[in-house]
């Protein structure tokens, strides 16, 4: 299934995975509460062309130029989430001033720390082997350590006149995480 839905498809994910997929807050903060060492591994940040379903979501009539960022979110050295961010090339530095300077820092801190950013609803999908984002995630993983399909979620963010779409694919290692800290709230609101 590659359709994006407003809810997690019934029976398609384990109860534990459904809590990750449906959690409305910062994924970074939640991941940090489940590990001792959280890391963002920057895979790529460069101009690109978005996917057709992304184009519609970010207000483009057809696939067009975007700034794309791809990362692996890792807990205690193990990749647990592949994340991709796209922003239309027409967005200005005033719309997303922090985006070009993130490097291997978390995008979550900026998205959940700025009250001027509007958070859209979560959308969910189960991405099969042919989906381009799943192929990218698999290529980034050591030893291709996950099977297919993978569950994903995405959310559109708006700031000033700009839009930014963040898609997160949950890798099988997410099932190995257990809470280690008493709270998900991080001091820098990641």
N, C-alpha and C. Protein backbone atom coordinates (compact mmCIF):
# COMPACT_ATOMS: atom_id res chain seq x y z
N UNK A 1 0.84 -1.18 0.00
CA UNK A 1 0.00 0.00 0.00
C UNK A 1 0.89 1.24 0.00
N UNK A 2 0.63 2.15 -0.90
CA UNK A 2 1.41 3.38 -0.96
C UNK A 2 0.53 4.62 -0.85
N UNK A 3 -0.71 4.45 -0.47
CA UNK A 3 -1.60 5.60 -0.29
C UNK A 3 -1.39 6.19 1.09
N UNK A 4 -1.44 7.52 1.16
CA UNK A 4 -1.29 8.21 2.44
C UNK A 4 -2.67 8.39 3.05
N UNK A 5 -2.82 7.96 4.30
CA UNK A 5 -4.09 7.99 5.02
C UNK A 5 -3.98 8.87 6.26
N UNK A 6 -5.12 9.31 6.74
CA UNK A 6 -5.16 10.15 7.94
C UNK A 6 -5.00 9.34 9.22
N UNK A 7 -4.97 8.02 9.11
CA UNK A 7 -4.83 7.16 10.29
C UNK A 7 -3.94 5.97 9.93
N UNK A 8 -3.46 5.27 10.93
CA UNK A 8 -2.69 4.05 10.71
C UNK A 8 -3.68 2.97 10.31
N UNK A 9 -3.45 2.29 9.20
CA UNK A 9 -4.36 1.25 8.73
C UNK A 9 -4.50 0.16 9.79
N UNK A 10 -5.73 -0.18 10.11
CA UNK A 10 -6.02 -1.17 11.14
C UNK A 10 -5.36 -2.51 10.80
N UNK A 11 -4.70 -3.09 11.79
CA UNK A 11 -4.11 -4.41 11.62
C UNK A 11 -2.82 -4.44 10.83
N UNK A 12 -2.38 -3.30 10.31
CA UNK A 12 -1.17 -3.31 9.48
C UNK A 12 0.12 -3.14 10.27
N UNK A 13 0.00 -2.70 11.50
CA UNK A 13 1.18 -2.47 12.34
C UNK A 13 0.93 -3.03 13.73
N UNK A 14 2.00 -3.40 14.41
CA UNK A 14 1.87 -3.88 15.78
C UNK A 14 1.40 -2.73 16.66
N UNK A 15 0.81 -3.04 17.80
CA UNK A 15 0.40 -1.95 18.71
C UNK A 15 1.56 -1.03 19.09
N UNK A 16 2.75 -1.59 19.32
CA UNK A 16 3.90 -0.76 19.70
C UNK A 16 4.29 0.17 18.55
N UNK A 17 4.29 -0.34 17.33
CA UNK A 17 4.62 0.51 16.18
C UNK A 17 3.55 1.57 15.96
N UNK A 18 2.29 1.22 16.19
CA UNK A 18 1.22 2.21 16.03
C UNK A 18 1.42 3.40 16.97
N UNK A 19 1.94 3.16 18.18
CA UNK A 19 2.16 4.30 19.09
C UNK A 19 3.24 5.23 18.54
N UNK A 20 4.27 4.67 17.90
CA UNK A 20 5.29 5.51 17.27
C UNK A 20 4.69 6.29 16.10
N UNK A 21 3.92 5.63 15.28
CA UNK A 21 3.35 6.26 14.09
C UNK A 21 2.35 7.36 14.42
N UNK A 22 1.59 7.17 15.47
CA UNK A 22 0.51 8.10 15.80
C UNK A 22 0.91 9.19 16.79
N UNK A 23 2.10 9.11 17.36
CA UNK A 23 2.53 10.08 18.35
C UNK A 23 2.64 11.47 17.72
N UNK A 24 1.86 12.44 18.21
CA UNK A 24 1.81 13.75 17.55
C UNK A 24 2.98 14.68 17.87
N UNK A 25 3.72 14.41 18.90
CA UNK A 25 4.80 15.30 19.32
C UNK A 25 6.08 15.08 18.54
N UNK A 26 7.14 15.60 19.08
CA UNK A 26 8.45 15.51 18.46
C UNK A 26 8.98 14.09 18.49
N UNK A 27 9.28 13.54 17.32
CA UNK A 27 9.86 12.21 17.24
C UNK A 27 11.25 12.21 17.86
N UNK A 28 12.01 13.28 17.66
CA UNK A 28 13.35 13.37 18.24
C UNK A 28 13.29 13.25 19.76
N UNK A 29 12.39 13.97 20.39
CA UNK A 29 12.27 13.92 21.86
C UNK A 29 11.91 12.51 22.31
N UNK A 30 11.01 11.89 21.59
CA UNK A 30 10.60 10.54 21.97
C UNK A 30 11.75 9.55 21.80
N UNK A 31 12.47 9.64 20.70
CA UNK A 31 13.61 8.75 20.50
C UNK A 31 14.66 8.95 21.58
N UNK A 32 14.93 10.20 21.93
CA UNK A 32 15.92 10.48 22.98
C UNK A 32 15.54 9.85 24.31
N UNK A 33 14.26 9.74 24.57
CA UNK A 33 13.82 9.14 25.83
C UNK A 33 13.95 7.62 25.82
N UNK A 34 14.30 7.07 24.67
CA UNK A 34 14.44 5.62 24.53
C UNK A 34 15.88 5.16 24.32
N UNK A 35 16.84 6.07 24.46
CA UNK A 35 18.23 5.66 24.26
C UNK A 35 19.16 6.56 25.05
N UNK A 36 20.40 6.12 25.17
CA UNK A 36 21.41 6.91 25.86
C UNK A 36 22.14 7.85 24.90
N UNK A 37 22.23 7.45 23.63
CA UNK A 37 22.96 8.25 22.65
C UNK A 37 22.13 8.39 21.38
N UNK A 38 21.54 9.57 21.19
CA UNK A 38 20.77 9.86 19.98
C UNK A 38 21.67 10.56 18.98
N UNK A 39 21.55 10.18 17.71
CA UNK A 39 22.41 10.75 16.67
C UNK A 39 21.61 10.96 15.38
N UNK A 40 21.90 12.06 14.70
CA UNK A 40 21.36 12.31 13.36
C UNK A 40 22.51 12.13 12.38
N UNK A 41 22.36 11.17 11.48
CA UNK A 41 23.37 10.94 10.45
C UNK A 41 22.88 11.57 9.15
N UNK A 42 23.51 12.64 8.75
CA UNK A 42 23.14 13.32 7.51
C UNK A 42 23.61 12.48 6.34
N UNK A 43 22.67 12.09 5.49
CA UNK A 43 22.98 11.32 4.30
C UNK A 43 23.18 12.23 3.09
N UNK A 44 22.30 13.24 3.01
CA UNK A 44 22.33 14.10 1.82
C UNK A 44 21.48 15.34 2.09
N UNK A 45 21.94 16.48 1.62
CA UNK A 45 21.13 17.69 1.60
C UNK A 45 21.53 18.46 0.35
N UNK A 46 20.60 18.53 -0.61
CA UNK A 46 20.92 19.12 -1.90
C UNK A 46 19.64 19.39 -2.68
N UNK A 47 19.73 20.21 -3.73
CA UNK A 47 18.58 20.38 -4.62
C UNK A 47 18.24 19.04 -5.28
N UNK A 48 16.95 18.84 -5.53
CA UNK A 48 16.47 17.60 -6.12
C UNK A 48 15.13 17.86 -6.78
N UNK A 49 14.49 16.80 -7.25
CA UNK A 49 13.13 16.86 -7.79
C UNK A 49 12.27 15.99 -6.89
N UNK A 50 11.14 16.51 -6.44
CA UNK A 50 10.28 15.77 -5.52
C UNK A 50 9.48 14.68 -6.24
N UNK A 51 8.89 13.81 -5.46
CA UNK A 51 8.01 12.76 -5.97
C UNK A 51 6.64 13.36 -6.30
N UNK A 52 5.87 12.71 -7.19
CA UNK A 52 4.55 13.26 -7.56
C UNK A 52 3.62 13.51 -6.38
N UNK A 53 3.52 12.57 -5.43
CA UNK A 53 2.62 12.79 -4.30
C UNK A 53 3.14 13.89 -3.37
N UNK A 54 4.44 14.08 -3.33
CA UNK A 54 5.00 15.18 -2.54
C UNK A 54 4.68 16.52 -3.19
N UNK A 55 4.74 16.57 -4.52
CA UNK A 55 4.47 17.82 -5.24
C UNK A 55 3.08 18.35 -4.87
N UNK A 56 2.09 17.49 -4.94
CA UNK A 56 0.72 17.91 -4.60
C UNK A 56 0.65 18.43 -3.17
N UNK A 57 1.31 17.75 -2.26
CA UNK A 57 1.24 18.11 -0.85
C UNK A 57 1.90 19.45 -0.56
N UNK A 58 2.98 19.77 -1.27
CA UNK A 58 3.68 21.04 -1.01
C UNK A 58 3.24 22.15 -1.97
N UNK A 59 2.15 21.91 -2.69
CA UNK A 59 1.56 22.98 -3.50
C UNK A 59 2.12 23.15 -4.90
N UNK A 60 2.82 22.14 -5.42
CA UNK A 60 3.32 22.22 -6.79
C UNK A 60 2.37 21.46 -7.72
N UNK A 61 2.18 21.97 -8.93
CA UNK A 61 1.29 21.32 -9.89
C UNK A 61 1.85 19.98 -10.37
N UNK A 62 3.14 19.85 -10.40
CA UNK A 62 3.81 18.62 -10.83
C UNK A 62 5.16 18.54 -10.13
N UNK A 63 5.83 17.38 -10.18
CA UNK A 63 7.14 17.28 -9.53
C UNK A 63 8.07 18.39 -10.00
N UNK A 64 8.68 19.05 -9.05
CA UNK A 64 9.55 20.18 -9.36
C UNK A 64 10.74 20.24 -8.43
N UNK A 65 11.50 21.31 -8.56
CA UNK A 65 12.72 21.50 -7.79
C UNK A 65 12.41 21.75 -6.32
N UNK A 66 13.15 21.05 -5.48
CA UNK A 66 13.02 21.18 -4.03
C UNK A 66 14.40 21.14 -3.41
N UNK A 67 14.48 21.59 -2.18
CA UNK A 67 15.65 21.32 -1.35
C UNK A 67 15.30 20.05 -0.59
N UNK A 68 16.16 19.06 -0.67
CA UNK A 68 15.89 17.77 -0.05
C UNK A 68 16.97 17.46 0.98
N UNK A 69 16.52 16.93 2.11
CA UNK A 69 17.43 16.52 3.20
C UNK A 69 17.06 15.10 3.58
N UNK A 70 18.05 14.22 3.65
CA UNK A 70 17.84 12.84 4.05
C UNK A 70 18.76 12.52 5.22
N UNK A 71 18.19 11.90 6.25
CA UNK A 71 18.96 11.54 7.44
C UNK A 71 18.54 10.18 7.96
N UNK A 72 19.41 9.58 8.74
CA UNK A 72 19.06 8.43 9.56
C UNK A 72 19.05 8.91 11.00
N UNK A 73 17.99 8.58 11.74
CA UNK A 73 17.92 8.86 13.17
C UNK A 73 18.33 7.58 13.88
N UNK A 74 19.35 7.69 14.72
CA UNK A 74 19.94 6.51 15.34
C UNK A 74 19.86 6.58 16.86
N UNK A 75 19.58 5.45 17.45
CA UNK A 75 19.57 5.32 18.90
C UNK A 75 20.65 4.32 19.28
N UNK A 76 21.58 4.78 20.10
CA UNK A 76 22.69 3.95 20.55
C UNK A 76 23.40 3.27 19.38
N UNK A 77 23.62 4.04 18.32
CA UNK A 77 24.36 3.57 17.17
C UNK A 77 23.57 2.82 16.12
N UNK A 78 22.32 2.53 16.39
CA UNK A 78 21.50 1.73 15.47
C UNK A 78 20.46 2.61 14.77
N UNK A 79 20.42 2.60 13.42
CA UNK A 79 19.39 3.36 12.70
C UNK A 79 17.99 2.84 13.01
N UNK A 80 17.10 3.76 13.43
CA UNK A 80 15.72 3.36 13.74
C UNK A 80 14.70 4.08 12.86
N UNK A 81 15.09 5.20 12.25
CA UNK A 81 14.18 5.96 11.37
C UNK A 81 14.99 6.55 10.23
N UNK A 82 14.47 6.42 9.02
CA UNK A 82 14.99 7.15 7.85
C UNK A 82 14.03 8.32 7.66
N UNK A 83 14.57 9.53 7.57
CA UNK A 83 13.71 10.71 7.41
C UNK A 83 14.14 11.52 6.19
N UNK A 84 13.14 12.01 5.48
CA UNK A 84 13.38 12.85 4.32
C UNK A 84 12.55 14.12 4.46
N UNK A 85 13.17 15.25 4.16
CA UNK A 85 12.51 16.54 4.21
C UNK A 85 12.61 17.17 2.83
N UNK A 86 11.48 17.72 2.35
CA UNK A 86 11.52 18.46 1.09
C UNK A 86 10.84 19.81 1.30
N UNK A 87 11.43 20.84 0.71
CA UNK A 87 10.86 22.19 0.71
C UNK A 87 10.94 22.71 -0.72
N UNK A 88 9.87 23.31 -1.23
CA UNK A 88 9.92 23.83 -2.59
C UNK A 88 11.09 24.78 -2.77
N UNK A 89 11.72 24.72 -3.93
CA UNK A 89 12.86 25.60 -4.20
C UNK A 89 12.46 27.07 -4.13
N UNK A 90 11.17 27.35 -4.31
CA UNK A 90 10.68 28.73 -4.26
C UNK A 90 10.64 29.29 -2.84
N UNK A 91 10.77 28.43 -1.83
CA UNK A 91 10.79 28.92 -0.44
C UNK A 91 12.04 29.75 -0.22
N UNK A 92 11.90 30.79 0.54
CA UNK A 92 13.04 31.67 0.77
C UNK A 92 13.76 31.29 2.06
N UNK A 93 14.93 31.83 2.23
CA UNK A 93 15.69 31.62 3.47
C UNK A 93 14.93 32.21 4.66
N UNK A 94 14.05 33.18 4.42
CA UNK A 94 13.24 33.74 5.50
C UNK A 94 12.18 32.75 5.97
N UNK A 95 11.71 31.89 5.05
CA UNK A 95 10.70 30.89 5.42
C UNK A 95 11.29 29.84 6.36
N UNK A 96 12.47 29.32 6.00
CA UNK A 96 13.13 28.25 6.75
C UNK A 96 14.59 28.62 6.98
N UNK A 97 14.88 29.62 7.81
CA UNK A 97 16.26 30.11 7.94
C UNK A 97 17.25 29.10 8.49
N UNK A 98 16.78 28.12 9.23
CA UNK A 98 17.65 27.16 9.88
C UNK A 98 17.96 25.95 9.00
N UNK A 99 17.21 25.74 7.94
CA UNK A 99 17.31 24.50 7.17
C UNK A 99 18.68 24.27 6.56
N UNK A 100 19.27 25.28 5.98
CA UNK A 100 20.56 25.09 5.31
C UNK A 100 21.72 24.94 6.30
N UNK A 101 21.49 25.24 7.58
CA UNK A 101 22.57 25.21 8.57
C UNK A 101 22.49 24.02 9.52
N UNK A 102 21.56 23.11 9.32
CA UNK A 102 21.36 22.03 10.28
C UNK A 102 22.51 21.04 10.36
N UNK A 103 23.04 20.65 9.23
CA UNK A 103 24.08 19.61 9.24
C UNK A 103 23.54 18.35 9.88
N UNK A 104 24.25 17.86 10.90
CA UNK A 104 23.81 16.64 11.56
C UNK A 104 23.02 16.92 12.85
N UNK A 105 22.47 18.12 12.93
CA UNK A 105 21.58 18.44 14.06
C UNK A 105 20.15 18.07 13.70
N UNK A 106 19.33 17.89 14.70
CA UNK A 106 17.95 17.48 14.52
C UNK A 106 17.07 18.62 13.99
N UNK A 107 16.25 18.30 13.04
CA UNK A 107 15.25 19.25 12.53
C UNK A 107 14.13 19.44 13.56
N UNK A 108 13.89 18.41 14.38
CA UNK A 108 12.81 18.47 15.37
C UNK A 108 12.90 19.65 16.31
N UNK A 109 14.10 20.02 16.72
CA UNK A 109 14.26 21.15 17.64
C UNK A 109 13.70 22.42 17.03
N UNK A 110 13.97 22.63 15.76
CA UNK A 110 13.49 23.83 15.09
C UNK A 110 11.99 23.76 14.85
N UNK A 111 11.49 22.62 14.42
CA UNK A 111 10.07 22.50 14.11
C UNK A 111 9.17 22.61 15.33
N UNK A 112 9.63 22.08 16.45
CA UNK A 112 8.80 22.10 17.65
C UNK A 112 9.17 23.23 18.60
N UNK A 113 10.22 23.99 18.27
CA UNK A 113 10.64 25.08 19.13
C UNK A 113 10.23 26.45 18.64
N UNK A 114 9.67 26.54 17.46
CA UNK A 114 9.29 27.83 16.88
C UNK A 114 7.77 27.94 16.84
N UNK A 115 7.18 28.82 17.64
CA UNK A 115 5.71 28.93 17.67
C UNK A 115 5.11 29.44 16.37
N UNK A 116 5.92 29.96 15.46
CA UNK A 116 5.40 30.45 14.17
C UNK A 116 5.20 29.32 13.16
N UNK A 117 5.62 28.11 13.52
CA UNK A 117 5.48 26.98 12.60
C UNK A 117 4.17 26.27 12.87
N UNK A 118 3.34 26.16 11.83
CA UNK A 118 2.06 25.44 11.92
C UNK A 118 2.30 23.99 11.52
N UNK A 119 1.78 23.08 12.33
CA UNK A 119 1.96 21.65 12.12
C UNK A 119 0.69 21.08 11.51
N UNK A 120 0.79 20.48 10.34
CA UNK A 120 -0.35 19.84 9.70
C UNK A 120 -0.63 18.48 10.35
N UNK A 121 -1.70 17.82 9.90
CA UNK A 121 -2.01 16.50 10.45
C UNK A 121 -1.04 15.44 9.94
N UNK A 122 -0.86 14.41 10.74
CA UNK A 122 -0.04 13.28 10.32
C UNK A 122 -0.77 12.49 9.25
N UNK A 123 -0.02 11.98 8.29
CA UNK A 123 -0.53 11.04 7.28
C UNK A 123 0.32 9.78 7.40
N UNK A 124 -0.30 8.64 7.10
CA UNK A 124 0.38 7.36 7.28
C UNK A 124 0.30 6.53 6.00
N UNK A 125 1.33 5.71 5.78
CA UNK A 125 1.33 4.79 4.64
C UNK A 125 2.21 3.60 4.96
N UNK A 126 2.00 2.56 4.23
CA UNK A 126 2.85 1.38 4.27
C UNK A 126 3.53 1.33 2.91
N UNK A 127 4.84 1.55 2.89
CA UNK A 127 5.56 1.68 1.63
C UNK A 127 6.15 0.33 1.21
N UNK A 128 5.81 -0.07 -0.02
CA UNK A 128 6.29 -1.33 -0.57
C UNK A 128 7.64 -1.19 -1.24
N UNK A 129 8.17 -2.31 -1.70
CA UNK A 129 9.52 -2.39 -2.26
C UNK A 129 9.76 -1.42 -3.42
N UNK A 130 8.75 -1.09 -4.19
CA UNK A 130 8.94 -0.21 -5.33
C UNK A 130 8.95 1.27 -5.01
N UNK A 131 8.64 1.64 -3.79
CA UNK A 131 8.56 3.06 -3.46
C UNK A 131 9.97 3.66 -3.39
N UNK A 132 10.19 4.81 -4.04
CA UNK A 132 11.53 5.42 -4.07
C UNK A 132 12.12 5.72 -2.68
N UNK A 133 11.29 6.14 -1.73
CA UNK A 133 11.83 6.43 -0.40
C UNK A 133 12.27 5.16 0.31
N UNK A 134 11.56 4.08 0.10
CA UNK A 134 11.97 2.82 0.70
C UNK A 134 13.29 2.35 0.09
N UNK A 135 13.44 2.49 -1.20
CA UNK A 135 14.71 2.11 -1.84
C UNK A 135 15.87 2.94 -1.29
N UNK A 136 15.64 4.24 -1.09
CA UNK A 136 16.70 5.10 -0.52
C UNK A 136 17.04 4.70 0.90
N UNK A 137 16.02 4.39 1.68
CA UNK A 137 16.27 3.97 3.07
C UNK A 137 17.09 2.68 3.09
N UNK A 138 16.72 1.73 2.26
CA UNK A 138 17.45 0.46 2.22
C UNK A 138 18.90 0.67 1.79
N UNK A 139 19.12 1.55 0.83
CA UNK A 139 20.48 1.81 0.35
C UNK A 139 21.34 2.45 1.44
N UNK A 140 20.73 3.17 2.37
CA UNK A 140 21.48 3.87 3.42
C UNK A 140 21.80 2.98 4.61
N UNK A 141 21.16 1.83 4.69
CA UNK A 141 21.33 0.98 5.86
C UNK A 141 22.50 0.02 5.70
N UNK A 142 23.23 -0.21 6.78
CA UNK A 142 24.31 -1.19 6.72
C UNK A 142 23.74 -2.58 6.47
N UNK A 143 24.30 -3.26 5.52
CA UNK A 143 23.92 -4.63 5.20
C UNK A 143 22.44 -4.78 4.83
N UNK A 144 21.82 -3.70 4.40
CA UNK A 144 20.41 -3.76 4.00
C UNK A 144 19.60 -4.50 5.07
N UNK A 145 19.67 -4.03 6.30
CA UNK A 145 19.17 -4.79 7.44
C UNK A 145 17.67 -4.70 7.70
N UNK A 146 16.86 -4.40 6.71
CA UNK A 146 15.43 -4.42 6.99
C UNK A 146 14.65 -5.00 5.82
N UNK A 147 13.50 -5.50 6.14
CA UNK A 147 12.61 -6.05 5.12
C UNK A 147 11.60 -5.02 4.68
N UNK A 148 10.71 -5.44 3.84
CA UNK A 148 9.67 -4.55 3.32
C UNK A 148 8.33 -5.23 3.53
N UNK A 149 7.25 -4.51 3.58
CA UNK A 149 7.14 -3.05 3.52
C UNK A 149 7.52 -2.40 4.84
N UNK A 150 7.66 -1.07 4.78
CA UNK A 150 7.92 -0.28 5.98
C UNK A 150 6.78 0.70 6.20
N UNK A 151 6.50 0.94 7.47
CA UNK A 151 5.48 1.94 7.81
C UNK A 151 6.12 3.32 7.84
N UNK A 152 5.36 4.29 7.39
CA UNK A 152 5.86 5.66 7.32
C UNK A 152 4.77 6.63 7.75
N UNK A 153 5.23 7.80 8.12
CA UNK A 153 4.30 8.90 8.39
C UNK A 153 4.92 10.16 7.82
N UNK A 154 4.07 11.13 7.54
CA UNK A 154 4.57 12.41 7.07
C UNK A 154 3.67 13.51 7.59
N UNK A 155 4.25 14.73 7.59
CA UNK A 155 3.51 15.89 8.08
C UNK A 155 4.02 17.11 7.33
N UNK A 156 3.07 17.98 6.98
CA UNK A 156 3.39 19.25 6.33
C UNK A 156 3.50 20.33 7.39
N UNK A 157 4.56 21.12 7.30
CA UNK A 157 4.79 22.25 8.20
C UNK A 157 4.74 23.52 7.38
N UNK A 158 4.21 24.59 7.99
CA UNK A 158 4.14 25.89 7.32
C UNK A 158 4.75 26.95 8.22
N UNK A 159 5.55 27.81 7.61
CA UNK A 159 6.12 28.95 8.33
C UNK A 159 6.20 30.10 7.35
N UNK A 160 5.61 31.23 7.74
CA UNK A 160 5.52 32.37 6.84
C UNK A 160 4.85 31.90 5.54
N UNK A 161 5.49 32.06 4.39
CA UNK A 161 4.91 31.60 3.13
C UNK A 161 5.41 30.24 2.69
N UNK A 162 6.26 29.61 3.48
CA UNK A 162 6.90 28.38 3.04
C UNK A 162 6.29 27.11 3.59
N UNK A 163 6.44 26.04 2.81
CA UNK A 163 5.98 24.72 3.22
C UNK A 163 7.17 23.77 3.26
N UNK A 164 7.08 22.81 4.16
CA UNK A 164 8.14 21.83 4.34
C UNK A 164 7.46 20.51 4.66
N UNK A 165 7.81 19.45 3.94
CA UNK A 165 7.20 18.14 4.16
C UNK A 165 8.26 17.20 4.75
N UNK A 166 7.95 16.62 5.91
CA UNK A 166 8.86 15.68 6.56
C UNK A 166 8.21 14.30 6.53
N UNK A 167 8.94 13.33 5.96
CA UNK A 167 8.49 11.94 5.90
C UNK A 167 9.45 11.09 6.71
N UNK A 168 8.89 10.21 7.55
CA UNK A 168 9.69 9.36 8.42
C UNK A 168 9.32 7.89 8.19
N UNK A 169 10.30 7.08 7.82
CA UNK A 169 10.12 5.64 7.65
C UNK A 169 10.67 4.95 8.89
N UNK A 170 9.85 4.12 9.51
CA UNK A 170 10.22 3.46 10.75
C UNK A 170 10.87 2.12 10.43
N UNK A 171 12.14 2.00 10.79
CA UNK A 171 12.93 0.81 10.51
C UNK A 171 12.66 -0.26 11.58
N UNK A 172 12.89 -1.53 11.26
CA UNK A 172 12.58 -2.61 12.21
C UNK A 172 13.22 -2.45 13.58
N UNK A 173 14.38 -1.82 13.67
CA UNK A 173 15.06 -1.65 14.97
C UNK A 173 14.26 -0.80 15.94
N UNK A 174 13.25 -0.07 15.47
CA UNK A 174 12.42 0.73 16.37
C UNK A 174 11.73 -0.16 17.40
N UNK A 175 11.47 -1.41 17.02
CA UNK A 175 10.79 -2.35 17.92
C UNK A 175 11.66 -2.74 19.11
N UNK A 176 12.95 -2.52 19.01
CA UNK A 176 13.86 -2.90 20.09
C UNK A 176 13.99 -1.84 21.17
N UNK A 177 13.43 -0.65 20.92
CA UNK A 177 13.58 0.45 21.88
C UNK A 177 12.60 0.33 23.03
N UNK A 178 13.11 0.63 24.21
CA UNK A 178 12.27 0.70 25.41
C UNK A 178 12.60 2.01 26.12
N UNK A 179 11.62 2.60 26.80
CA UNK A 179 11.89 3.88 27.47
C UNK A 179 13.01 3.77 28.49
N UNK A 180 13.92 4.74 28.46
CA UNK A 180 15.04 4.76 29.40
C UNK A 180 14.99 5.96 30.32
N UNK A 181 14.22 6.95 29.93
CA UNK A 181 14.16 8.18 30.71
C UNK A 181 12.71 8.42 31.10
N UNK A 182 12.50 9.12 32.18
CA UNK A 182 11.16 9.28 32.72
C UNK A 182 10.29 10.23 31.92
N UNK A 183 10.89 11.03 31.04
CA UNK A 183 10.08 11.98 30.29
C UNK A 183 10.58 12.12 28.87
N UNK A 184 9.68 12.53 27.97
CA UNK A 184 10.03 12.75 26.56
C UNK A 184 10.39 14.21 26.33
N UNK A 185 10.21 15.04 27.32
CA UNK A 185 10.43 16.47 27.11
C UNK A 185 11.91 16.77 27.22
N UNK A 186 12.45 17.35 26.19
CA UNK A 186 13.87 17.68 26.13
C UNK A 186 14.03 19.16 26.43
N UNK A 187 15.12 19.55 27.03
CA UNK A 187 15.30 20.94 27.40
C UNK A 187 15.31 21.87 26.20
N UNK A 188 15.75 21.39 25.03
CA UNK A 188 15.71 22.27 23.87
C UNK A 188 14.50 21.98 22.99
N UNK A 189 13.54 21.30 23.53
CA UNK A 189 12.25 21.03 22.89
C UNK A 189 12.42 20.33 21.55
N UNK A 190 13.31 19.40 21.49
CA UNK A 190 13.49 18.63 20.27
C UNK A 190 12.44 17.60 20.26
